[in-house]
């Protein structure tokens, strides 16, 4: 009969394996999925967004700003299991930014021994694509300036907003030489056509201002039509 011989080192290794299997491993993490970078931004009229993250553990969340509110998923208690990685989505609401300037804020998530901050920048303006935003001299706000030649008879204002909107002349604006084909609409991508009469004045440019309003936020679009060219003598 063949004898089986086991070395002491093999027995010791087997005992270590049994000992390691008798205790469950520890798995803990807090991984932020959205927003996934500190430069994430919202436009001024946007009022909702979310925080998405993964963890094995219970968590709680706190807004660090008075203009950000956690509206759903502020905390949750889970029965810990090292095999279960949970994905959570917490809903946020934002006050419309009527300051005309960008503002930064964050919410704080705590889970097990970890903390993570979800950063948001809320811009001071809506998503106006044409004319594009241009920084003012102070660099803390923007202006929307549309400049056209004296003979231009058509241009546009293009934007993408999150709710219904209105577009009209600003108070005291010149209404005599430029008209728009839409004054209101619903959320989404919109193109408003501007019809202009040629400027025959060879000495003076002319200007007018339109006010785009969405919810509590208003942005102004400045339209300038240059003076007519003088004919060569």
Protein backbone atom coordinates (compact mmCIF):
# COMPACT_ATOMS: atom_id res chain seq x y z
CA UNK A 1 0.00 0.00 0.00
CA UNK A 2 1.27 3.42 -0.99
CA UNK A 3 1.74 5.81 1.91
CA UNK A 4 0.69 9.47 1.64
CA UNK A 5 3.20 11.84 3.10
CA UNK A 6 2.24 15.46 3.91
CA UNK A 7 4.88 18.02 4.75
CA UNK A 8 4.45 20.32 7.71
CA UNK A 9 4.58 23.34 5.41
CA UNK A 10 1.65 22.03 3.34
CA UNK A 11 -0.45 21.48 6.45
CA UNK A 12 0.33 24.99 7.71
CA UNK A 13 -0.66 26.49 4.38
CA UNK A 14 -3.98 24.62 4.43
CA UNK A 15 -4.73 25.85 7.95
CA UNK A 16 -4.06 29.44 6.87
CA UNK A 17 -6.44 29.07 3.94
CA UNK A 18 -9.19 27.71 6.20
CA UNK A 19 -8.66 30.52 8.67
CA UNK A 20 -8.88 33.18 5.96
CA UNK A 21 -12.11 31.68 4.61
CA UNK A 22 -13.76 31.72 8.02
CA UNK A 23 -14.00 35.53 8.02
CA UNK A 24 -15.70 37.58 5.31
CA UNK A 25 -13.55 40.23 3.62
CA UNK A 26 -14.29 43.89 4.19
CA UNK A 27 -15.39 45.92 1.18
CA UNK A 28 -15.98 49.64 1.57
CA UNK A 29 -15.90 52.39 -1.01
CA UNK A 30 -17.54 55.66 -2.00
CA UNK A 31 -17.35 56.31 -5.72
CA UNK A 32 -18.89 59.46 -7.21
CA UNK A 33 -20.37 58.83 -10.67
CA UNK A 34 -22.15 62.17 -11.31
CA UNK A 35 -21.07 64.90 -11.36
CA UNK A 36 -17.74 63.39 -12.33
CA UNK A 37 -15.60 66.54 -12.27
CA UNK A 38 -15.37 69.73 -10.18
CA UNK A 39 -16.12 71.90 -13.24
CA UNK A 40 -19.62 70.53 -13.84
CA UNK A 41 -22.05 73.38 -14.48
CA UNK A 42 -25.72 74.27 -14.81
CA UNK A 43 -27.28 77.21 -16.61
CA UNK A 44 -29.01 79.96 -14.66
CA UNK A 45 -32.61 78.78 -15.12
CA UNK A 46 -31.95 75.06 -14.49
CA UNK A 47 -33.53 73.96 -11.23
CA UNK A 48 -32.97 70.20 -11.04
CA UNK A 49 -30.09 67.76 -11.19
CA UNK A 50 -28.82 64.75 -9.26
CA UNK A 51 -25.89 63.10 -7.52
CA UNK A 52 -25.11 59.49 -8.50
CA UNK A 53 -22.68 57.39 -6.46
CA UNK A 54 -21.81 53.82 -5.43
CA UNK A 55 -21.13 52.42 -1.98
CA UNK A 56 -21.36 49.21 0.06
CA UNK A 57 -22.61 51.10 3.12
CA UNK A 58 -25.30 53.33 4.50
CA UNK A 59 -24.88 57.03 3.74
CA UNK A 60 -26.14 60.53 4.42
CA UNK A 61 -25.89 63.69 2.37
CA UNK A 62 -25.84 67.40 3.24
CA UNK A 63 -26.16 70.50 1.08
CA UNK A 64 -23.54 73.07 1.97
CA UNK A 65 -25.37 75.93 0.18
CA UNK A 66 -28.66 77.70 0.82
CA UNK A 67 -29.49 77.62 -2.92
CA UNK A 68 -29.11 73.82 -3.24
CA UNK A 69 -31.62 71.44 -1.63
CA UNK A 70 -31.53 67.65 -1.49
CA UNK A 71 -35.12 66.75 -2.41
CA UNK A 72 -34.89 62.94 -2.47
CA UNK A 73 -32.32 60.39 -1.28
CA UNK A 74 -30.84 62.44 1.54
CA UNK A 75 -29.86 59.25 3.43
CA UNK A 76 -30.31 55.51 3.29
CA UNK A 77 -29.58 52.63 5.66
CA UNK A 78 -28.47 49.35 4.10
CA UNK A 79 -27.80 45.93 5.57
CA UNK A 80 -24.08 45.67 4.96
CA UNK A 81 -22.89 42.79 2.80
CA UNK A 82 -19.39 42.85 1.34
CA UNK A 83 -20.82 41.35 -1.88
CA UNK A 84 -23.39 44.10 -2.47
CA UNK A 85 -22.27 47.34 -4.10
CA UNK A 86 -25.22 49.75 -4.20
CA UNK A 87 -25.82 52.50 -6.77
CA UNK A 88 -27.74 55.49 -5.43
CA UNK A 89 -29.26 58.54 -7.11
CA UNK A 90 -30.13 61.55 -4.97
CA UNK A 91 -32.22 64.37 -6.44
CA UNK A 92 -31.33 68.04 -6.03
CA UNK A 93 -33.16 71.31 -6.62
CA UNK A 94 -31.47 74.64 -7.32
CA UNK A 95 -32.78 78.14 -6.92
CA UNK A 96 -32.64 80.03 -10.24
CA UNK A 97 -29.52 82.16 -10.45
CA UNK A 98 -30.74 85.74 -10.87
CA UNK A 99 -27.45 87.34 -9.80
CA UNK A 100 -26.02 87.57 -13.30
CA UNK A 101 -22.81 85.98 -12.00
CA UNK A 102 -21.63 82.38 -11.67
CA UNK A 103 -21.78 80.78 -8.23
CA UNK A 104 -20.19 77.59 -6.92
CA UNK A 105 -21.44 75.12 -4.34
CA UNK A 106 -21.40 71.49 -3.30
CA UNK A 107 -23.17 68.72 -1.43
CA UNK A 108 -21.29 66.42 0.95
CA UNK A 109 -21.76 62.63 1.04
CA UNK A 110 -20.67 60.56 4.05
CA UNK A 111 -20.53 56.76 3.88
CA UNK A 112 -18.65 54.49 6.31
CA UNK A 113 -15.32 56.26 6.88
CA UNK A 114 -15.39 58.12 3.57
CA UNK A 115 -16.61 61.53 2.44
CA UNK A 116 -16.98 62.91 -1.05
CA UNK A 117 -18.10 66.30 -2.37
CA UNK A 118 -20.25 66.77 -5.48
CA UNK A 119 -19.44 70.21 -6.92
CA UNK A 120 -21.80 72.36 -9.00
CA UNK A 121 -21.27 75.67 -10.77
CA UNK A 122 -24.46 77.50 -11.66
CA UNK A 123 -23.80 80.04 -14.39
CA UNK A 124 -25.34 83.49 -14.36
CA UNK A 125 -26.90 83.09 -17.81
CA UNK A 126 -28.97 80.75 -19.94
CA UNK A 127 -27.72 78.55 -22.76
CA UNK A 128 -27.76 81.16 -25.53
CA UNK A 129 -25.84 79.84 -28.54
CA UNK A 130 -26.15 82.83 -30.90
CA UNK A 131 -24.92 85.35 -30.18
CA UNK A 132 -22.40 83.62 -27.94
CA UNK A 133 -21.58 84.82 -24.43
CA UNK A 134 -18.74 87.27 -24.10
CA UNK A 135 -17.03 88.11 -20.83
CA UNK A 136 -17.43 91.64 -19.56
CA UNK A 137 -14.50 93.79 -18.48
CA UNK A 138 -14.85 92.64 -14.86
CA UNK A 139 -14.78 88.94 -15.99
CA UNK A 140 -17.50 88.00 -13.47
CA UNK A 141 -20.43 88.27 -15.90
CA UNK A 142 -21.14 88.01 -19.63
CA UNK A 143 -22.92 89.98 -22.35
CA UNK A 144 -24.66 88.83 -25.53
CA UNK A 145 -23.86 91.17 -28.42
CA UNK A 146 -25.05 90.69 -31.99
CA UNK A 147 -23.40 93.08 -34.46
CA UNK A 148 -24.55 93.22 -38.09
CA UNK A 149 -23.79 95.31 -41.16
CA UNK A 150 -25.98 98.11 -42.45
CA UNK A 151 -27.32 95.95 -45.28
CA UNK A 152 -28.11 92.85 -43.19
CA UNK A 153 -31.83 92.07 -43.33
CA UNK A 154 -31.96 88.81 -41.38
CA UNK A 155 -30.19 87.21 -38.41
CA UNK A 156 -31.25 85.10 -35.43
CA UNK A 157 -31.19 84.45 -31.72
CA UNK A 158 -30.62 80.76 -30.82
CA UNK A 159 -30.91 79.18 -27.38
CA UNK A 160 -31.67 75.96 -25.52
CA UNK A 161 -33.57 76.39 -22.25
CA UNK A 162 -35.12 74.00 -19.74
CA UNK A 163 -38.63 75.47 -19.54
CA UNK A 164 -41.03 77.81 -21.34
CA UNK A 165 -39.69 81.21 -22.37
CA UNK A 166 -40.65 84.65 -23.67
CA UNK A 167 -38.69 87.03 -25.87
CA UNK A 168 -39.55 90.70 -26.28
CA UNK A 169 -37.99 94.13 -26.52
CA UNK A 170 -36.37 95.37 -23.34
CA UNK A 171 -37.87 98.43 -21.70
CA UNK A 172 -37.29 101.60 -23.75
CA UNK A 173 -35.68 99.67 -26.61
CA UNK A 174 -36.02 100.91 -30.20
CA UNK A 175 -38.78 98.87 -31.88
CA UNK A 176 -38.73 100.51 -35.31
CA UNK A 177 -36.22 98.56 -37.42
CA UNK A 178 -35.96 94.98 -36.09
CA UNK A 179 -38.73 92.43 -35.53
CA UNK A 180 -38.77 88.82 -34.33
CA UNK A 181 -40.91 85.94 -35.59
CA UNK A 182 -41.47 84.30 -32.17
CA UNK A 183 -42.18 85.85 -28.79
CA UNK A 184 -42.72 82.69 -26.69
CA UNK A 185 -42.21 78.94 -26.71
CA UNK A 186 -41.51 75.74 -24.81
CA UNK A 187 -38.32 74.17 -23.48
CA UNK A 188 -35.69 72.94 -25.91
CA UNK A 189 -33.64 74.20 -28.83
CA UNK A 190 -35.12 77.33 -30.42
CA UNK A 191 -34.20 79.64 -33.26
CA UNK A 192 -35.87 83.04 -33.39
CA UNK A 193 -35.47 84.90 -36.69
CA UNK A 194 -34.79 88.63 -36.60
CA UNK A 195 -35.87 90.67 -39.62
CA UNK A 196 -34.11 94.02 -40.09
CA UNK A 197 -34.52 96.96 -42.41
CA UNK A 198 -31.26 98.22 -43.92
CA UNK A 199 -29.64 101.15 -42.16
CA UNK A 200 -29.31 104.01 -44.66
CA UNK A 201 -27.80 106.44 -42.17
CA UNK A 202 -24.16 106.98 -43.11
CA UNK A 203 -23.26 108.59 -39.79
CA UNK A 204 -24.98 106.64 -37.05
CA UNK A 205 -25.23 103.01 -36.08
CA UNK A 206 -28.42 101.96 -34.33
CA UNK A 207 -29.08 99.63 -31.44
CA UNK A 208 -31.89 97.80 -29.76
CA UNK A 209 -32.15 95.24 -26.94
CA UNK A 210 -34.19 92.05 -26.58
CA UNK A 211 -35.03 90.43 -23.24
CA UNK A 212 -35.11 86.63 -23.07
CA UNK A 213 -36.96 85.44 -19.96
CA UNK A 214 -37.18 81.88 -18.66
CA UNK A 215 -38.70 81.40 -15.22
CA UNK A 216 -37.13 83.97 -12.93
CA UNK A 217 -34.05 84.51 -15.11
CA UNK A 218 -33.76 87.26 -17.72
CA UNK A 219 -30.86 87.72 -20.16
CA UNK A 220 -30.50 90.64 -22.55
CA UNK A 221 -29.35 90.40 -26.16
CA UNK A 222 -27.88 93.60 -27.57
CA UNK A 223 -28.36 94.11 -31.32
CA UNK A 224 -26.27 96.68 -33.16
CA UNK A 225 -26.55 97.55 -36.85
CA UNK A 226 -23.64 99.59 -38.18
CA UNK A 227 -24.04 102.75 -40.22
CA UNK A 228 -24.20 102.62 -44.00
CA UNK A 229 -21.01 102.98 -46.01
CA UNK A 230 -20.50 106.32 -47.71
CA UNK A 231 -20.33 106.24 -51.50
CA UNK A 232 -17.03 107.14 -53.17
CA UNK A 233 -17.01 110.61 -54.72
